[in-house]
Amino acid sequence: MTNEAMALGIDIGGSGIKGAPVDTSTGNLTADRLRIETPQPATPKAVTKVVGELVRHFDWSGPIGAAFPAVVRQGVVRTAANIDHSWIGASAQHLFTREAGSPVTVLNDADAAGLAEMQFGAGMGRLGVVLMITLGTGIGSGLYVDGELVPNTELGHLKIRGRDAEARAADSVRERKQLSWDDWAQRLDEVLDEYERLLWPDLIIIGGGVSKKHERFMPLLSTQAELVPAQLLNEAGIVGAAIAAARAQPS
């Protein structure tokens, strides 16, 4: 099943791999999303097999986008902070395309979530510098200047007190250390302050699963930039991946 405005979006995460067909003209999922547990270890062979399962589940032929938790350049994985290290140097685009039997566009997961928010969510119509932050297993980032993506910023690995920012303020850290919302917000505020000193964003969008509880921690943050929760929540990666796939098609 496919048509001009449709693409299959796949969001590859540390705990789950989710997919659904998307109407890229509206940002709406056109079928219930399917979630499959991320295999452990999440090797290229194992993850590629799950991508194939999603494609077959939706009986899909046509453009496919995959949001991937790493730096991705021209389809090749360059980092592996939250995935198996055997991915480094592997062409996710080649592996997924061969498995799916259709062209697959692969991009950083936070970049994908940001694309969705910029087109259909909290960043819609916003110019200037917009920073999308996803809080989950790690901290992902998507940077947009007048609506154009600056890919692979990976600000979760900026050093704060000698450690990666995500090692101090990811949502997984809050859960693992059983931090109060106040204590976690202080850590997150310190990270956002550093981002502001470097980038001077006009708008910061907070995404990831914890954004559903934004009222618990966002009022505790003190950014100079306007701060808003993401609107597409857990669908952002799927939608953004589908947008990227649609844009990659020849006109």
C-alpha atoms as a PDB file:
ATOM      1  CA  MET A   1       0.000   0.000   0.000  1.00  0.00           C
ATOM      2  CA  THR A   2       1.302   3.436  -0.893  1.00  0.00           C
ATOM      3  CA  ASN A   3       0.459   6.731  -2.602  1.00  0.00           C
ATOM      4  CA  GLU A   4       2.251   9.989  -3.322  1.00  0.00           C
ATOM      5  CA  ALA A   5       1.722  11.540   0.121  1.00  0.00           C
ATOM      6  CA  MET A   6       2.456   8.356   2.024  1.00  0.00           C
ATOM      7  CA  ALA A   7       5.642   7.009   3.553  1.00  0.00           C
ATOM      8  CA  LEU A   8       6.386   4.405   6.180  1.00  0.00           C
ATOM      9  CA  GLY A   9       8.066   5.892   9.248  1.00  0.00           C
ATOM     10  CA  ILE A  10      10.219   3.748  11.543  1.00  0.00           C
ATOM     11  CA  ASP A  11      11.639   4.997  14.844  1.00  0.00           C
ATOM     12  CA  ILE A  12      14.519   2.898  16.190  1.00  0.00           C
ATOM     13  CA  GLY A  13      15.040   3.354  19.920  1.00  0.00           C
ATOM     14  CA  GLY A  14      16.995   1.724  22.694  1.00  0.00           C
ATOM     15  CA  SER A  15      14.005  -0.182  24.075  1.00  0.00           C
ATOM     16  CA  GLY A  16      11.561  -0.336  21.183  1.00  0.00           C
ATOM     17  CA  ILE A  17      11.351  -0.076  17.393  1.00  0.00           C
ATOM     18  CA  LYS A  18       8.102   1.520  16.245  1.00  0.00           C
ATOM     19  CA  GLY A  19       6.597   2.018  12.828  1.00  0.00           C
ATOM     20  CA  ALA A  20       3.491   3.195  11.034  1.00  0.00           C
ATOM     21  CA  PRO A  21       2.457   4.537   7.631  1.00  0.00           C
ATOM     22  CA  VAL A  22       2.158   8.329   7.614  1.00  0.00           C
ATOM     23  CA  ASP A  23       0.251  10.788   5.448  1.00  0.00           C
ATOM     24  CA  THR A  24       3.101  13.277   5.057  1.00  0.00           C
ATOM     25  CA  SER A  25       0.735  16.033   3.924  1.00  0.00           C
ATOM     26  CA  THR A  26      -0.967  16.047   7.335  1.00  0.00           C
ATOM     27  CA  GLY A  27       1.441  14.271   9.693  1.00  0.00           C
ATOM     28  CA  ASN A  28      -1.237  11.754  10.632  1.00  0.00           C
ATOM     29  CA  LEU A  29      -0.607   8.055  11.100  1.00  0.00           C
ATOM     30  CA  THR A  30      -2.906   6.113   8.779  1.00  0.00           C
ATOM     31  CA  ALA A  31      -2.777   2.866  10.751  1.00  0.00           C
ATOM     32  CA  ASP A  32      -2.087   1.875  14.334  1.00  0.00           C
ATOM     33  CA  ARG A  33       1.627   1.908  15.012  1.00  0.00           C
ATOM     34  CA  LEU A  34       3.386  -1.375  15.708  1.00  0.00           C
ATOM     35  CA  ARG A  35       6.046  -1.563  18.395  1.00  0.00           C
ATOM     36  CA  ILE A  36       8.585  -4.391  18.604  1.00  0.00           C
ATOM     37  CA  GLU A  37      11.094  -4.735  21.422  1.00  0.00           C
ATOM     38  CA  THR A  38      14.591  -3.682  20.394  1.00  0.00           C
ATOM     39  CA  PRO A  39      16.713  -6.835  20.212  1.00  0.00           C
ATOM     40  CA  GLN A  40      19.590  -7.142  22.654  1.00  0.00           C
ATOM     41  CA  PRO A  41      22.271  -6.814  21.566  1.00  0.00           C
ATOM     42  CA  ALA A  42      20.997  -4.373  18.934  1.00  0.00           C
ATOM     43  CA  THR A  43      23.386  -5.506  16.212  1.00  0.00           C
ATOM     44  CA  PRO A  44      22.993  -4.520  12.551  1.00  0.00           C
ATOM     45  CA  LYS A  45      21.658  -7.964  11.657  1.00  0.00           C
ATOM     46  CA  ALA A  46      19.135  -8.033  14.527  1.00  0.00           C
ATOM     47  CA  VAL A  47      17.821  -4.488  14.012  1.00  0.00           C
ATOM     48  CA  THR A  48      17.604  -4.939  10.255  1.00  0.00           C
ATOM     49  CA  LYS A  49      15.473  -8.039  10.801  1.00  0.00           C
ATOM     50  CA  VAL A  50      12.995  -6.002  12.892  1.00  0.00           C
ATOM     51  CA  VAL A  51      12.848  -3.324  10.186  1.00  0.00           C
ATOM     52  CA  GLY A  52      11.887  -6.083   7.766  1.00  0.00           C
ATOM     53  CA  GLU A  53       9.170  -7.311  10.150  1.00  0.00           C
ATOM     54  CA  LEU A  54       7.633  -3.838  10.245  1.00  0.00           C
ATOM     55  CA  VAL A  55       7.700  -3.501   6.465  1.00  0.00           C
ATOM     56  CA  ARG A  56       6.012  -6.868   6.035  1.00  0.00           C
ATOM     57  CA  HIS A  57       3.452  -6.157   8.764  1.00  0.00           C
ATOM     58  CA  PHE A  58       2.223  -3.111   6.854  1.00  0.00           C
ATOM     59  CA  ASP A  59       2.634  -4.856   3.473  1.00  0.00           C
ATOM     60  CA  TRP A  60       4.591  -1.787   2.459  1.00  0.00           C
ATOM     61  CA  SER A  61       6.140  -0.838  -0.861  1.00  0.00           C
ATOM     62  CA  GLY A  62       7.295   2.710  -1.391  1.00  0.00           C
ATOM     63  CA  PRO A  63       9.402   5.278   0.471  1.00  0.00           C
ATOM     64  CA  ILE A  64      10.523   4.418   3.996  1.00  0.00           C
ATOM     65  CA  GLY A  65      12.217   6.610   6.578  1.00  0.00           C
ATOM     66  CA  ALA A  66      14.132   5.349   9.596  1.00  0.00           C
ATOM     67  CA  ALA A  67      15.015   7.477  12.621  1.00  0.00           C
ATOM     68  CA  PHE A  68      18.229   6.112  14.113  1.00  0.00           C
ATOM     69  CA  PRO A  69      19.875   6.857  17.509  1.00  0.00           C
ATOM     70  CA  ALA A  70      23.288   7.906  16.181  1.00  0.00           C
ATOM     71  CA  VAL A  71      25.093  10.301  13.894  1.00  0.00           C
ATOM     72  CA  VAL A  72      24.174   9.286  10.346  1.00  0.00           C
ATOM     73  CA  ARG A  73      26.050  10.654   7.335  1.00  0.00           C
ATOM     74  CA  GLN A  74      24.881   9.650   3.861  1.00  0.00           C
ATOM     75  CA  GLY A  75      23.206   6.607   5.373  1.00  0.00           C
ATOM     76  CA  VAL A  76      26.307   5.428   7.247  1.00  0.00           C
ATOM     77  CA  VAL A  77      26.306   5.179  11.063  1.00  0.00           C
ATOM     78  CA  ARG A  78      29.198   7.090  12.640  1.00  0.00           C
ATOM     79  CA  THR A  79      28.584   6.841  16.403  1.00  0.00           C
ATOM     80  CA  ALA A  80      27.174   4.285  18.837  1.00  0.00           C
ATOM     81  CA  ALA A  81      26.512   5.876  22.207  1.00  0.00           C
ATOM     82  CA  ASN A  82      23.213   4.056  22.807  1.00  0.00           C
ATOM     83  CA  ILE A  83      23.377   1.191  20.301  1.00  0.00           C
ATOM     84  CA  ASP A  84      25.690  -1.744  19.659  1.00  0.00           C
ATOM     85  CA  HIS A  85      29.176  -0.610  18.652  1.00  0.00           C
ATOM     86  CA  SER A  86      29.159  -2.965  15.679  1.00  0.00           C
ATOM     87  CA  TRP A  87      26.998  -0.350  13.917  1.00  0.00           C
ATOM     88  CA  ILE A  88      29.900   2.080  13.522  1.00  0.00           C
ATOM     89  CA  GLY A  89      30.818   2.266   9.856  1.00  0.00           C
ATOM     90  CA  ALA A  90      27.797   0.210   8.772  1.00  0.00           C
ATOM     91  CA  SER A  91      25.488   1.562   6.073  1.00  0.00           C
ATOM     92  CA  ALA A  92      22.083   1.444   7.722  1.00  0.00           C
ATOM     93  CA  GLN A  93      20.608   2.768   4.507  1.00  0.00           C
ATOM     94  CA  HIS A  94      22.002  -0.118   2.472  1.00  0.00           C
ATOM     95  CA  LEU A  95      21.051  -2.783   5.034  1.00  0.00           C
ATOM     96  CA  PHE A  96      17.497  -1.500   5.504  1.00  0.00           C
ATOM     97  CA  THR A  97      16.901  -0.924   1.779  1.00  0.00           C
ATOM     98  CA  ARG A  98      18.034  -4.459   0.939  1.00  0.00           C
ATOM     99  CA  GLU A  99      15.817  -5.932   3.665  1.00  0.00           C
ATOM    100  CA  ALA A 100      12.780  -3.787   2.833  1.00  0.00           C
ATOM    101  CA  GLY A 101      12.978  -4.003  -0.933  1.00  0.00           C
ATOM    102  CA  SER A 102      12.191  -0.279  -1.073  1.00  0.00           C
ATOM    103  CA  PRO A 103      14.367   2.826  -0.695  1.00  0.00           C
ATOM    104  CA  VAL A 104      15.033   3.731   2.958  1.00  0.00           C
ATOM    105  CA  THR A 105      16.163   7.186   4.108  1.00  0.00           C
ATOM    106  CA  VAL A 106      18.035   7.056   7.439  1.00  0.00           C
ATOM    107  CA  LEU A 107      18.603  10.045   9.712  1.00  0.00           C
ATOM    108  CA  ASN A 108      19.386  10.859  13.330  1.00  0.00           C
ATOM    109  CA  ASP A 109      16.400  10.196  15.587  1.00  0.00           C
ATOM    110  CA  ALA A 110      16.264  13.640  17.225  1.00  0.00           C
ATOM    111  CA  ASP A 111      16.615  15.279  13.813  1.00  0.00           C
ATOM    112  CA  ALA A 112      13.606  13.243  12.698  1.00  0.00           C
ATOM    113  CA  ALA A 113      11.542  14.219  15.743  1.00  0.00           C
ATOM    114  CA  GLY A 114      12.435  17.839  15.107  1.00  0.00           C
ATOM    115  CA  LEU A 115      11.350  17.644  11.473  1.00  0.00           C
ATOM    116  CA  ALA A 116       7.934  16.490  12.630  1.00  0.00           C
ATOM    117  CA  GLU A 117       7.638  19.241  15.245  1.00  0.00           C
ATOM    118  CA  MET A 118       8.780  21.917  12.787  1.00  0.00           C
ATOM    119  CA  GLN A 119       6.259  20.863  10.157  1.00  0.00           C
ATOM    120  CA  PHE A 120       3.254  19.820  12.225  1.00  0.00           C
ATOM    121  CA  GLY A 121       3.925  20.585  15.897  1.00  0.00           C
ATOM    122  CA  ALA A 122       5.378  23.102  18.329  1.00  0.00           C
ATOM    123  CA  GLY A 123       7.848  24.577  15.825  1.00  0.00           C
ATOM    124  CA  MET A 124       5.401  25.037  12.960  1.00  0.00           C
ATOM    125  CA  GLY A 125       5.960  28.386  11.239  1.00  0.00           C
ATOM    126  CA  ARG A 126       8.784  29.381  13.575  1.00  0.00           C
ATOM    127  CA  LEU A 127      11.855  31.083  12.153  1.00  0.00           C
ATOM    128  CA  GLY A 128      15.110  31.937  13.898  1.00  0.00           C
ATOM    129  CA  VAL A 129      17.032  29.312  15.857  1.00  0.00           C
ATOM    130  CA  VAL A 130      14.914  26.428  17.167  1.00  0.00           C
ATOM    131  CA  LEU A 131      16.421  23.678  19.306  1.00  0.00           C
ATOM    132  CA  MET A 132      14.593  20.377  19.726  1.00  0.00           C
ATOM    133  CA  ILE A 133      15.685  18.298  22.727  1.00  0.00           C
ATOM    134  CA  THR A 134      14.537  14.717  23.225  1.00  0.00           C
ATOM    135  CA  LEU A 135      14.835  13.316  26.739  1.00  0.00           C
ATOM    136  CA  GLY A 136      14.879   9.554  27.055  1.00  0.00           C
ATOM    137  CA  THR A 137      17.623   6.935  27.332  1.00  0.00           C
ATOM    138  CA  GLY A 138      19.977   9.748  26.333  1.00  0.00           C
ATOM    139  CA  ILE A 139      19.556  13.347  25.211  1.00  0.00           C
ATOM    140  CA  GLY A 140      18.982  13.901  21.516  1.00  0.00           C
ATOM    141  CA  SER A 141      19.079  17.261  19.770  1.00  0.00           C
ATOM    142  CA  GLY A 142      17.810  18.714  16.520  1.00  0.00           C
ATOM    143  CA  LEU A 143      18.850  22.235  15.503  1.00  0.00           C
ATOM    144  CA  TYR A 144      16.910  24.315  12.975  1.00  0.00           C
ATOM    145  CA  VAL A 145      17.792  27.721  11.539  1.00  0.00           C
ATOM    146  CA  ASP A 146      14.895  29.437   9.770  1.00  0.00           C
ATOM    147  CA  GLY A 147      13.303  26.015   9.380  1.00  0.00           C
ATOM    148  CA  GLU A 148      16.377  24.335   7.908  1.00  0.00           C
ATOM    149  CA  LEU A 149      17.949  21.377   9.725  1.00  0.00           C
ATOM    150  CA  VAL A 150      21.555  21.463  10.896  1.00  0.00           C
ATOM    151  CA  PRO A 151      22.036  17.665  11.075  1.00  0.00           C
ATOM    152  CA  ASN A 152      23.725  15.486  13.678  1.00  0.00           C
ATOM    153  CA  THR A 153      24.322  18.060  16.418  1.00  0.00           C
ATOM    154  CA  GLU A 154      24.403  15.366  19.152  1.00  0.00           C
ATOM    155  CA  LEU A 155      24.389  17.933  21.969  1.00  0.00           C
ATOM    156  CA  GLY A 156      23.681  15.187  24.491  1.00  0.00           C
ATOM    157  CA  HIS A 157      27.420  14.507  24.439  1.00  0.00           C
ATOM    158  CA  LEU A 158      28.477  18.050  25.292  1.00  0.00           C
ATOM    159  CA  LYS A 159      30.525  17.956  28.477  1.00  0.00           C
ATOM    160  CA  ILE A 160      28.883  19.216  31.678  1.00  0.00           C
ATOM    161  CA  ARG A 161      31.069  18.970  34.794  1.00  0.00           C
ATOM    162  CA  GLY A 162      33.369  16.641  32.886  1.00  0.00           C
ATOM    163  CA  ARG A 163      30.633  14.201  31.831  1.00  0.00           C
ATOM    164  CA  ASP A 164      28.300  13.880  28.859  1.00  0.00           C
ATOM    165  CA  ALA A 165      25.202  15.999  29.377  1.00  0.00           C
ATOM    166  CA  GLU A 166      23.001  12.927  28.950  1.00  0.00           C
ATOM    167  CA  ALA A 167      24.879  11.121  31.736  1.00  0.00           C
ATOM    168  CA  ARG A 168      23.629  13.829  34.111  1.00  0.00           C
ATOM    169  CA  ALA A 169      20.224  14.821  32.815  1.00  0.00           C
ATOM    170  CA  ALA A 170      18.646  12.191  30.564  1.00  0.00           C
ATOM    171  CA  ASP A 171      15.243  10.948  31.701  1.00  0.00           C
ATOM    172  CA  SER A 172      16.793   7.514  32.225  1.00  0.00           C
ATOM    173  CA  VAL A 173      19.103   9.100  34.819  1.00  0.00           C
ATOM    174  CA  ARG A 174      16.101  10.559  36.655  1.00  0.00           C
ATOM    175  CA  GLU A 175      14.485   7.143  36.772  1.00  0.00           C
ATOM    176  CA  ARG A 176      17.610   5.172  37.657  1.00  0.00           C
ATOM    177  CA  LYS A 177      18.679   7.526  40.442  1.00  0.00           C
ATOM    178  CA  GLN A 178      15.066   8.087  41.555  1.00  0.00           C
ATOM    179  CA  LEU A 179      15.600  11.857  41.433  1.00  0.00           C
ATOM    180  CA  SER A 180      12.813  14.183  42.467  1.00  0.00           C
ATOM    181  CA  TRP A 181      11.427  16.437  39.745  1.00  0.00           C
ATOM    182  CA  ASP A 182      13.120  19.394  41.469  1.00  0.00           C
ATOM    183  CA  ASP A 183      16.526  17.699  41.556  1.00  0.00           C
ATOM    184  CA  TRP A 184      16.278  16.521  37.978  1.00  0.00           C
ATOM    185  CA  ALA A 185      15.115  19.942  36.781  1.00  0.00           C
ATOM    186  CA  GLN A 186      18.226  21.500  38.310  1.00  0.00           C
ATOM    187  CA  ARG A 187      20.405  19.125  36.318  1.00  0.00           C
ATOM    188  CA  LEU A 188      18.430  19.739  33.136  1.00  0.00           C
ATOM    189  CA  ASP A 189      18.551  23.504  33.686  1.00  0.00           C
ATOM    190  CA  GLU A 190      22.346  23.351  33.858  1.00  0.00           C
ATOM    191  CA  VAL A 191      22.455  21.514  30.532  1.00  0.00           C
ATOM    192  CA  LEU A 192      20.027  23.886  28.817  1.00  0.00           C
ATOM    193  CA  ASP A 193      21.993  26.860  30.145  1.00  0.00           C
ATOM    194  CA  GLU A 194      25.105  25.574  28.383  1.00  0.00           C
ATOM    195  CA  TYR A 195      23.163  25.046  25.156  1.00  0.00           C
ATOM    196  CA  GLU A 196      21.887  28.614  25.369  1.00  0.00           C
ATOM    197  CA  ARG A 197      25.356  30.044  25.878  1.00  0.00           C
ATOM    198  CA  LEU A 198      26.518  28.291  22.713  1.00  0.00           C
ATOM    199  CA  LEU A 199      23.521  28.612  20.383  1.00  0.00           C
ATOM    200  CA  TRP A 200      21.215  31.388  21.649  1.00  0.00           C
ATOM    201  CA  PRO A 201      18.034  29.635  20.505  1.00  0.00           C
ATOM    202  CA  ASP A 202      14.792  31.573  20.176  1.00  0.00           C
ATOM    203  CA  LEU A 203      12.725  28.487  20.996  1.00  0.00           C
ATOM    204  CA  ILE A 204      13.491  25.210  22.779  1.00  0.00           C
ATOM    205  CA  ILE A 205      11.121  22.287  22.236  1.00  0.00           C
ATOM    206  CA  ILE A 206      11.230  19.553  24.870  1.00  0.00           C
ATOM    207  CA  GLY A 207      10.388  16.119  23.476  1.00  0.00           C
ATOM    208  CA  GLY A 208      10.771  12.478  24.403  1.00  0.00           C
ATOM    209  CA  GLY A 209       8.390  10.405  26.493  1.00  0.00           C
ATOM    210  CA  VAL A 210       8.827  12.573  29.590  1.00  0.00           C
ATOM    211  CA  SER A 211       7.356  15.555  27.735  1.00  0.00           C
ATOM    212  CA  LYS A 212       3.948  14.050  28.534  1.00  0.00           C
ATOM    213  CA  LYS A 213       4.696  15.113  32.130  1.00  0.00           C
ATOM    214  CA  HIS A 214       6.014  18.555  31.197  1.00  0.00           C
ATOM    215  CA  GLU A 215       3.935  20.299  33.834  1.00  0.00           C
ATOM    216  CA  ARG A 216       5.980  18.510  36.509  1.00  0.00           C
ATOM    217  CA  PHE A 217       9.359  19.960  35.513  1.00  0.00           C
ATOM    218  CA  MET A 218       9.170  22.656  32.831  1.00  0.00           C
ATOM    219  CA  PRO A 219       7.929  25.382  35.228  1.00  0.00           C
ATOM    220  CA  LEU A 220      11.125  24.722  37.242  1.00  0.00           C
ATOM    221  CA  LEU A 221      13.407  25.565  34.305  1.00  0.00           C
ATOM    222  CA  SER A 222      14.833  29.055  33.773  1.00  0.00           C
ATOM    223  CA  THR A 223      15.832  29.269  30.109  1.00  0.00           C
ATOM    224  CA  GLN A 224      16.002  32.641  28.397  1.00  0.00           C
ATOM    225  CA  ALA A 225      14.505  31.076  25.268  1.00  0.00           C
ATOM    226  CA  GLU A 226      10.818  30.319  25.004  1.00  0.00           C
ATOM    227  CA  LEU A 227      10.320  26.760  26.231  1.00  0.00           C
ATOM    228  CA  VAL A 228       7.471  24.548  25.000  1.00  0.00           C
ATOM    229  CA  PRO A 229       6.616  20.839  25.121  1.00  0.00           C
ATOM    230  CA  ALA A 230       6.606  18.806  21.933  1.00  0.00           C
ATOM    231  CA  GLN A 231       3.147  18.175  20.506  1.00  0.00           C
ATOM    232  CA  LEU A 232       3.615  14.925  18.606  1.00  0.00           C
ATOM    233  CA  LEU A 233       5.041  13.068  21.615  1.00  0.00           C
ATOM    234  CA  ASN A 234       5.925   9.427  20.846  1.00  0.00           C
ATOM    235  CA  GLU A 235       4.817   9.726  17.221  1.00  0.00           C
ATOM    236  CA  ALA A 236       7.363  12.442  16.358  1.00  0.00           C
ATOM    237  CA  GLY A 237      10.161  10.090  15.289  1.00  0.00           C
ATOM    238  CA  ILE A 238       7.840   8.065  13.063  1.00  0.00           C
ATOM    239  CA  VAL A 239       6.352  11.167  11.453  1.00  0.00           C
ATOM    240  CA  GLY A 240       9.716  12.871  10.988  1.00  0.00           C
ATOM    241  CA  ALA A 241      11.262   9.768   9.424  1.00  0.00           C
ATOM    242  CA  ALA A 242       8.367   9.587   6.988  1.00  0.00           C
ATOM    243  CA  ILE A 243       8.784  13.292   6.120  1.00  0.00           C
ATOM    244  CA  ALA A 244      12.485  12.732   5.407  1.00  0.00           C
ATOM    245  CA  ALA A 245      11.654   9.777   3.164  1.00  0.00           C
ATOM    246  CA  ALA A 246       9.052  11.788   1.243  1.00  0.00           C
ATOM    247  CA  ARG A 247      11.490  14.682   0.757  1.00  0.00           C
ATOM    248  CA  ALA A 248      14.148  12.299  -0.555  1.00  0.00           C
ATOM    249  CA  GLN A 249      11.944  11.184  -3.437  1.00  0.00           C
ATOM    250  CA  PRO A 250      12.700  12.668  -6.863  1.00  0.00           C
ATOM    251  CA  SER A 251      10.223  15.392  -7.812  1.00  0.00           C
END
